[in-house]
């Protein structure tokens, strides 16, 4: 069964701020309780509904995280 939650609740669950819940939350096939928070932060991005423009190139925006390599960027751009 899949359940839709609002993004702020989901982020709090992922970060472990809500620990008293029933059921299982999966990231791909992994239980998020088994993924350390620092690792979860490396693989998770929150995009809010608020839009704003900042200076920089498209590359700057795609590689805003220090964990994104140029290879990751091109792989993401090539996916359909």
PDB file of N, CA and C in Angstrom:
ATOM      1  N   UNK A   1       0.842  -1.173   0.000  1.00  0.00           N
ATOM      2  CA  UNK A   1       0.000   0.000   0.000  1.00  0.00           C
ATOM      3  C   UNK A   1       0.888   1.238   0.000  1.00  0.00           C
ATOM      4  N   UNK A   2       0.567   2.207  -0.829  1.00  0.00           N
ATOM      5  CA  UNK A   2       1.284   3.469  -0.858  1.00  0.00           C
ATOM      6  C   UNK A   2       0.422   4.551  -0.242  1.00  0.00           C
ATOM      7  N   UNK A   3       1.059   5.429   0.525  1.00  0.00           N
ATOM      8  CA  UNK A   3       0.354   6.523   1.175  1.00  0.00           C
ATOM      9  C   UNK A   3       1.048   7.816   0.779  1.00  0.00           C
ATOM     10  N   UNK A   4       0.269   8.827   0.463  1.00  0.00           N
ATOM     11  CA  UNK A   4       0.822  10.127   0.111  1.00  0.00           C
ATOM     12  C   UNK A   4       0.795  11.005   1.355  1.00  0.00           C
ATOM     13  N   UNK A   5       1.931  11.663   1.631  1.00  0.00           N
ATOM     14  CA  UNK A   5       2.002  12.579   2.768  1.00  0.00           C
ATOM     15  C   UNK A   5       2.527  13.917   2.268  1.00  0.00           C
ATOM     16  N   UNK A   6       2.290  14.967   3.045  1.00  0.00           N
ATOM     17  CA  UNK A   6       2.827  16.258   2.638  1.00  0.00           C
ATOM     18  C   UNK A   6       4.335  16.245   2.821  1.00  0.00           C
ATOM     19  N   UNK A   7       5.028  17.071   2.036  1.00  0.00           N
ATOM     20  CA  UNK A   7       6.492  16.991   1.984  1.00  0.00           C
ATOM     21  C   UNK A   7       7.153  17.301   3.315  1.00  0.00           C
ATOM     22  N   UNK A   8       6.612  18.223   4.104  1.00  0.00           N
ATOM     23  CA  UNK A   8       7.264  18.533   5.379  1.00  0.00           C
ATOM     24  C   UNK A   8       7.195  17.339   6.332  1.00  0.00           C
ATOM     25  N   UNK A   9       6.100  16.614   6.315  1.00  0.00           N
ATOM     26  CA  UNK A   9       5.981  15.416   7.148  1.00  0.00           C
ATOM     27  C   UNK A   9       6.946  14.345   6.673  1.00  0.00           C
ATOM     28  N   UNK A  10       7.038  14.174   5.374  1.00  0.00           N
ATOM     29  CA  UNK A  10       7.948  13.175   4.817  1.00  0.00           C
ATOM     30  C   UNK A  10       9.394  13.491   5.179  1.00  0.00           C
ATOM     31  N   UNK A  11       9.788  14.755   5.061  1.00  0.00           N
ATOM     32  CA  UNK A  11      11.155  15.145   5.410  1.00  0.00           C
ATOM     33  C   UNK A  11      11.422  14.862   6.882  1.00  0.00           C
ATOM     34  N   UNK A  12      10.482  15.179   7.729  1.00  0.00           N
ATOM     35  CA  UNK A  12      10.655  14.910   9.166  1.00  0.00           C
ATOM     36  C   UNK A  12      10.777  13.417   9.439  1.00  0.00           C
ATOM     37  N   UNK A  13      10.008  12.612   8.717  1.00  0.00           N
ATOM     38  CA  UNK A  13      10.123  11.161   8.877  1.00  0.00           C
ATOM     39  C   UNK A  13      11.489  10.667   8.408  1.00  0.00           C
ATOM     40  N   UNK A  14      11.940  11.141   7.264  1.00  0.00           N
ATOM     41  CA  UNK A  14      13.229  10.721   6.712  1.00  0.00           C
ATOM     42  C   UNK A  14      14.373  11.109   7.640  1.00  0.00           C
ATOM     43  N   UNK A  15      14.296  12.304   8.217  1.00  0.00           N
ATOM     44  CA  UNK A  15      15.362  12.773   9.097  1.00  0.00           C
ATOM     45  C   UNK A  15      15.280  12.191  10.503  1.00  0.00           C
ATOM     46  N   UNK A  16      14.255  11.383  10.753  1.00  0.00           N
ATOM     47  CA  UNK A  16      14.134  10.756  12.060  1.00  0.00           C
ATOM     48  C   UNK A  16      13.536  11.641  13.129  1.00  0.00           C
ATOM     49  N   UNK A  17      12.907  12.752  12.733  1.00  0.00           N
ATOM     50  CA  UNK A  17      12.293  13.639  13.706  1.00  0.00           C
ATOM     51  C   UNK A  17      10.979  13.075  14.241  1.00  0.00           C
ATOM     52  N   UNK A  18      10.350  12.210  13.474  1.00  0.00           N
ATOM     53  CA  UNK A  18       9.177  11.467  13.938  1.00  0.00           C
ATOM     54  C   UNK A  18       9.605  10.014  14.041  1.00  0.00           C
ATOM     55  N   UNK A  19       9.728   9.528  15.249  1.00  0.00           N
ATOM     56  CA  UNK A  19      10.175   8.145  15.400  1.00  0.00           C
ATOM     57  C   UNK A  19       9.049   7.215  15.845  1.00  0.00           C
ATOM     58  N   UNK A  20       7.933   7.792  16.250  1.00  0.00           N
ATOM     59  CA  UNK A  20       6.829   6.977  16.750  1.00  0.00           C
ATOM     60  C   UNK A  20       5.752   6.853  15.671  1.00  0.00           C
ATOM     61  N   UNK A  21       5.987   5.971  14.705  1.00  0.00           N
ATOM     62  CA  UNK A  21       5.024   5.744  13.640  1.00  0.00           C
ATOM     63  C   UNK A  21       4.920   4.242  13.417  1.00  0.00           C
ATOM     64  N   UNK A  22       3.826   3.838  12.822  1.00  0.00           N
ATOM     65  CA  UNK A  22       3.664   2.422  12.533  1.00  0.00           C
ATOM     66  C   UNK A  22       3.882   2.198  11.042  1.00  0.00           C
ATOM     67  N   UNK A  23       4.324   1.018  10.698  1.00  0.00           N
ATOM     68  CA  UNK A  23       4.551   0.707   9.297  1.00  0.00           C
ATOM     69  C   UNK A  23       6.016   0.863   8.922  1.00  0.00           C
ATOM     70  N   UNK A  24       6.268   0.825   7.642  1.00  0.00           N
ATOM     71  CA  UNK A  24       7.622   0.885   7.122  1.00  0.00           C
ATOM     72  C   UNK A  24       7.702   1.951   6.045  1.00  0.00           C
ATOM     73  N   UNK A  25       8.767   2.711   6.071  1.00  0.00           N
ATOM     74  CA  UNK A  25       9.026   3.690   5.025  1.00  0.00           C
ATOM     75  C   UNK A  25      10.231   3.190   4.252  1.00  0.00           C
ATOM     76  N   UNK A  26      10.069   3.057   2.945  1.00  0.00           N
ATOM     77  CA  UNK A  26      11.134   2.506   2.109  1.00  0.00           C
ATOM     78  C   UNK A  26      11.688   3.565   1.174  1.00  0.00           C
ATOM     79  N   UNK A  27      12.992   3.508   0.982  1.00  0.00           N
ATOM     80  CA  UNK A  27      13.667   4.282  -0.049  1.00  0.00           C
ATOM     81  C   UNK A  27      14.173   3.238  -1.019  1.00  0.00           C
ATOM     82  N   UNK A  28      13.562   3.183  -2.188  1.00  0.00           N
ATOM     83  CA  UNK A  28      13.797   2.092  -3.130  1.00  0.00           C
ATOM     84  C   UNK A  28      13.343   0.817  -2.426  1.00  0.00           C
ATOM     85  N   UNK A  29      14.231  -0.093  -2.125  1.00  0.00           N
ATOM     86  CA  UNK A  29      13.829  -1.318  -1.421  1.00  0.00           C
ATOM     87  C   UNK A  29      14.337  -1.343   0.018  1.00  0.00           C
ATOM     88  N   UNK A  30      14.947  -0.253   0.471  1.00  0.00           N
ATOM     89  CA  UNK A  30      15.570  -0.219   1.797  1.00  0.00           C
ATOM     90  C   UNK A  30      14.683   0.476   2.815  1.00  0.00           C
ATOM     91  N   UNK A  31      14.594  -0.104   3.995  1.00  0.00           N
ATOM     92  CA  UNK A  31      13.887   0.509   5.110  1.00  0.00           C
ATOM     93  C   UNK A  31      14.699   1.731   5.539  1.00  0.00           C
ATOM     94  N   UNK A  32      14.075   2.912   5.625  1.00  0.00           N
ATOM     95  CA  UNK A  32      14.846   4.115   5.949  1.00  0.00           C
ATOM     96  C   UNK A  32      15.429   4.067   7.351  1.00  0.00           C
ATOM     97  N   UNK A  33      14.859   3.268   8.235  1.00  0.00           N
ATOM     98  CA  UNK A  33      15.425   3.144   9.578  1.00  0.00           C
ATOM     99  C   UNK A  33      16.803   2.495   9.544  1.00  0.00           C
ATOM    100  N   UNK A  34      17.112   1.774   8.457  1.00  0.00           N
ATOM    101  CA  UNK A  34      18.406   1.106   8.326  1.00  0.00           C
ATOM    102  C   UNK A  34      19.441   1.992   7.633  1.00  0.00           C
ATOM    103  N   UNK A  35      19.032   3.161   7.145  1.00  0.00           N
ATOM    104  CA  UNK A  35      19.946   4.069   6.446  1.00  0.00           C
ATOM    105  C   UNK A  35      20.339   5.186   7.416  1.00  0.00           C
ATOM    106  N   UNK A  36      21.641   5.361   7.672  1.00  0.00           N
ATOM    107  CA  UNK A  36      22.068   6.445   8.571  1.00  0.00           C
ATOM    108  C   UNK A  36      21.630   7.810   8.024  1.00  0.00           C
ATOM    109  N   UNK A  37      21.295   8.720   8.929  1.00  0.00           N
ATOM    110  CA  UNK A  37      20.798  10.038   8.530  1.00  0.00           C
ATOM    111  C   UNK A  37      21.770  10.765   7.614  1.00  0.00           C
ATOM    112  N   UNK A  38      23.077  10.693   7.891  1.00  0.00           N
ATOM    113  CA  UNK A  38      24.033  11.408   7.038  1.00  0.00           C
ATOM    114  C   UNK A  38      24.041  10.840   5.622  1.00  0.00           C
ATOM    115  N   UNK A  39      23.827   9.529   5.477  1.00  0.00           N
ATOM    116  CA  UNK A  39      23.734   8.931   4.147  1.00  0.00           C
ATOM    117  C   UNK A  39      22.433   9.336   3.462  1.00  0.00           C
ATOM    118  N   UNK A  40      21.349   9.390   4.217  1.00  0.00           N
ATOM    119  CA  UNK A  40      20.056   9.795   3.661  1.00  0.00           C
ATOM    120  C   UNK A  40      20.127  11.234   3.147  1.00  0.00           C
ATOM    121  N   UNK A  41      20.836  12.099   3.862  1.00  0.00           N
ATOM    122  CA  UNK A  41      20.977  13.485   3.420  1.00  0.00           C
ATOM    123  C   UNK A  41      21.766  13.586   2.125  1.00  0.00           C
ATOM    124  N   UNK A  42      22.675  12.668   1.873  1.00  0.00           N
ATOM    125  CA  UNK A  42      23.460  12.678   0.641  1.00  0.00           C
ATOM    126  C   UNK A  42      22.630  12.294  -0.580  1.00  0.00           C
ATOM    127  N   UNK A  43      21.579  11.495  -0.381  1.00  0.00           N
ATOM    128  CA  UNK A  43      20.808  10.963  -1.509  1.00  0.00           C
ATOM    129  C   UNK A  43      19.420  11.580  -1.634  1.00  0.00           C
ATOM    130  N   UNK A  44      19.114  12.553  -0.783  1.00  0.00           N
ATOM    131  CA  UNK A  44      17.771  13.127  -0.764  1.00  0.00           C
ATOM    132  C   UNK A  44      17.828  14.624  -1.030  1.00  0.00           C
ATOM    133  N   UNK A  45      16.897  15.101  -1.825  1.00  0.00           N
ATOM    134  CA  UNK A  45      16.788  16.527  -2.114  1.00  0.00           C
ATOM    135  C   UNK A  45      15.340  16.949  -1.940  1.00  0.00           C
ATOM    136  N   UNK A  46      15.135  18.082  -1.321  1.00  0.00           N
ATOM    137  CA  UNK A  46      13.794  18.645  -1.179  1.00  0.00           C
ATOM    138  C   UNK A  46      13.676  19.821  -2.128  1.00  0.00           C
ATOM    139  N   UNK A  47      12.677  19.776  -2.970  1.00  0.00           N
ATOM    140  CA  UNK A  47      12.389  20.890  -3.876  1.00  0.00           C
ATOM    141  C   UNK A  47      11.046  21.458  -3.455  1.00  0.00           C
ATOM    142  N   UNK A  48      11.070  22.694  -3.012  1.00  0.00           N
ATOM    143  CA  UNK A  48       9.837  23.314  -2.520  1.00  0.00           C
ATOM    144  C   UNK A  48       9.023  23.877  -3.678  1.00  0.00           C
ATOM    145  N   UNK A  49       7.821  24.291  -3.377  1.00  0.00           N
ATOM    146  CA  UNK A  49       6.959  24.895  -4.387  1.00  0.00           C
ATOM    147  C   UNK A  49       7.329  26.343  -4.669  1.00  0.00           C
ATOM    148  N   UNK A  50       8.135  26.935  -3.801  1.00  0.00           N
ATOM    149  CA  UNK A  50       8.553  28.316  -3.993  1.00  0.00           C
ATOM    150  C   UNK A  50       9.597  28.382  -5.100  1.00  0.00           C
ATOM    151  N   UNK A  51       9.397  29.288  -6.028  1.00  0.00           N
ATOM    152  CA  UNK A  51      10.344  29.456  -7.125  1.00  0.00           C
ATOM    153  C   UNK A  51      11.082  30.764  -6.959  1.00  0.00           C
ATOM    154  N   UNK A  52      12.354  30.747  -7.279  1.00  0.00           N
ATOM    155  CA  UNK A  52      13.116  31.974  -7.286  1.00  0.00           C
ATOM    156  C   UNK A  52      14.306  31.798  -8.218  1.00  0.00           C
ATOM    157  N   UNK A  53      14.774  32.905  -8.734  1.00  0.00           N
ATOM    158  CA  UNK A  53      15.914  32.884  -9.640  1.00  0.00           C
ATOM    159  C   UNK A  53      17.135  33.394  -8.900  1.00  0.00           C
ATOM    160  N   UNK A  54      18.225  32.714  -9.101  1.00  0.00           N
ATOM    161  CA  UNK A  54      19.492  33.153  -8.533  1.00  0.00           C
ATOM    162  C   UNK A  54      20.525  33.187  -9.642  1.00  0.00           C
ATOM    163  N   UNK A  55      21.584  33.919  -9.420  1.00  0.00           N
ATOM    164  CA  UNK A  55      22.634  34.008 -10.421  1.00  0.00           C
ATOM    165  C   UNK A  55      23.341  32.664 -10.550  1.00  0.00           C
ATOM    166  N   UNK A  56      23.817  32.400 -11.725  1.00  0.00           N
ATOM    167  CA  UNK A  56      24.581  31.186 -11.955  1.00  0.00           C
ATOM    168  C   UNK A  56      24.143  30.502 -13.230  1.00  0.00           C
ATOM    169  N   UNK A  57      24.891  29.493 -13.585  1.00  0.00           N
ATOM    170  CA  UNK A  57      24.599  28.737 -14.793  1.00  0.00           C
ATOM    171  C   UNK A  57      23.703  27.553 -14.467  1.00  0.00           C
ATOM    172  N   UNK A  58      23.210  26.902 -15.503  1.00  0.00           N
ATOM    173  CA  UNK A  58      22.429  25.675 -15.290  1.00  0.00           C
ATOM    174  C   UNK A  58      23.294  24.648 -14.570  1.00  0.00           C
ATOM    175  N   UNK A  59      24.568  24.558 -14.967  1.00  0.00           N
ATOM    176  CA  UNK A  59      25.500  23.635 -14.308  1.00  0.00           C
ATOM    177  C   UNK A  59      25.587  23.945 -12.805  1.00  0.00           C
ATOM    178  N   UNK A  60      25.668  25.229 -12.452  1.00  0.00           N
ATOM    179  CA  UNK A  60      25.732  25.613 -11.040  1.00  0.00           C
ATOM    180  C   UNK A  60      24.520  25.096 -10.282  1.00  0.00           C
ATOM    181  N   UNK A  61      23.362  25.190 -10.898  1.00  0.00           N
ATOM    182  CA  UNK A  61      22.128  24.764 -10.240  1.00  0.00           C
ATOM    183  C   UNK A  61      22.028  23.239 -10.154  1.00  0.00           C
ATOM    184  N   UNK A  62      22.517  22.553 -11.171  1.00  0.00           N
ATOM    185  CA  UNK A  62      22.450  21.089 -11.161  1.00  0.00           C
ATOM    186  C   UNK A  62      23.472  20.470 -10.219  1.00  0.00           C
ATOM    187  N   UNK A  63      24.531  21.183  -9.940  1.00  0.00           N
ATOM    188  CA  UNK A  63      25.594  20.649  -9.079  1.00  0.00           C
ATOM    189  C   UNK A  63      25.686  21.405  -7.767  1.00  0.00           C
ATOM    190  N   UNK A  64      24.566  21.898  -7.279  1.00  0.00           N
ATOM    191  CA  UNK A  64      24.548  22.677  -6.049  1.00  0.00           C
ATOM    192  C   UNK A  64      25.030  21.844  -4.857  1.00  0.00           C
ATOM    193  N   UNK A  65      24.790  20.566  -4.863  1.00  0.00           N
ATOM    194  CA  UNK A  65      25.247  19.692  -3.783  1.00  0.00           C
ATOM    195  C   UNK A  65      26.702  19.317  -4.009  1.00  0.00           C
ATOM    196  N   UNK A  66      27.473  19.295  -2.937  1.00  0.00           N
ATOM    197  CA  UNK A  66      28.876  18.914  -3.072  1.00  0.00           C
ATOM    198  C   UNK A  66      29.030  17.432  -3.388  1.00  0.00           C
ATOM    199  N   UNK A  67      27.937  16.681  -3.288  1.00  0.00           N
ATOM    200  CA  UNK A  67      27.990  15.246  -3.562  1.00  0.00           C
ATOM    201  C   UNK A  67      27.728  14.913  -5.030  1.00  0.00           C
ATOM    202  N   UNK A  68      27.326  15.898  -5.825  1.00  0.00           N
ATOM    203  CA  UNK A  68      27.015  15.678  -7.234  1.00  0.00           C
ATOM    204  C   UNK A  68      28.272  15.866  -8.065  1.00  0.00           C
ATOM    205  N   UNK A  69      28.653  14.843  -8.786  1.00  0.00           N
ATOM    206  CA  UNK A  69      29.811  14.954  -9.659  1.00  0.00           C
ATOM    207  C   UNK A  69      29.347  15.372 -11.052  1.00  0.00           C
ATOM    208  N   UNK A  70      30.295  15.748 -11.884  1.00  0.00           N
ATOM    209  CA  UNK A  70      29.952  16.105 -13.258  1.00  0.00           C
ATOM    210  C   UNK A  70      29.366  14.885 -13.975  1.00  0.00           C
ATOM    211  N   UNK A  71      29.899  13.709 -13.686  1.00  0.00           N
ATOM    212  CA  UNK A  71      29.369  12.480 -14.287  1.00  0.00           C
ATOM    213  C   UNK A  71      27.915  12.259 -13.865  1.00  0.00           C
ATOM    214  N   UNK A  72      27.602  12.481 -12.574  1.00  0.00           N
ATOM    215  CA  UNK A  72      26.220  12.360 -12.092  1.00  0.00           C
ATOM    216  C   UNK A  72      25.305  13.318 -12.842  1.00  0.00           C
ATOM    217  N   UNK A  73      25.793  14.550 -13.045  1.00  0.00           N
ATOM    218  CA  UNK A  73      24.996  15.564 -13.727  1.00  0.00           C
ATOM    219  C   UNK A  73      24.652  15.118 -15.148  1.00  0.00           C
ATOM    220  N   UNK A  74      25.662  14.659 -15.892  1.00  0.00           N
ATOM    221  CA  UNK A  74      25.410  14.239 -17.271  1.00  0.00           C
ATOM    222  C   UNK A  74      24.533  12.983 -17.337  1.00  0.00           C
ATOM    223  N   UNK A  75      24.712  12.073 -16.382  1.00  0.00           N
ATOM    224  CA  UNK A  75      23.856  10.878 -16.343  1.00  0.00           C
ATOM    225  C   UNK A  75      22.397  11.270 -16.114  1.00  0.00           C
ATOM    226  N   UNK A  76      22.171  12.236 -15.232  1.00  0.00           N
ATOM    227  CA  UNK A  76      20.805  12.689 -14.960  1.00  0.00           C
ATOM    228  C   UNK A  76      20.209  13.383 -16.183  1.00  0.00           C
ATOM    229  N   UNK A  77      21.007  14.155 -16.873  1.00  0.00           N
ATOM    230  CA  UNK A  77      20.520  14.874 -18.050  1.00  0.00           C
ATOM    231  C   UNK A  77      20.182  13.931 -19.194  1.00  0.00           C
ATOM    232  N   UNK A  78      20.855  12.794 -19.284  1.00  0.00           N
ATOM    233  CA  UNK A  78      20.631  11.849 -20.358  1.00  0.00           C
ATOM    234  C   UNK A  78      19.414  10.968 -20.131  1.00  0.00           C
ATOM    235  N   UNK A  79      18.933  10.845 -18.885  1.00  0.00           N
ATOM    236  CA  UNK A  79      17.784  10.003 -18.597  1.00  0.00           C
ATOM    237  C   UNK A  79      16.522  10.605 -19.171  1.00  0.00           C
ATOM    238  N   UNK A  80      15.622   9.735 -19.625  1.00  0.00           N
ATOM    239  CA  UNK A  80      14.369  10.205 -20.211  1.00  0.00           C
ATOM    240  C   UNK A  80      13.265  10.095 -19.208  1.00  0.00           C
TER     241      UNK A  80
END
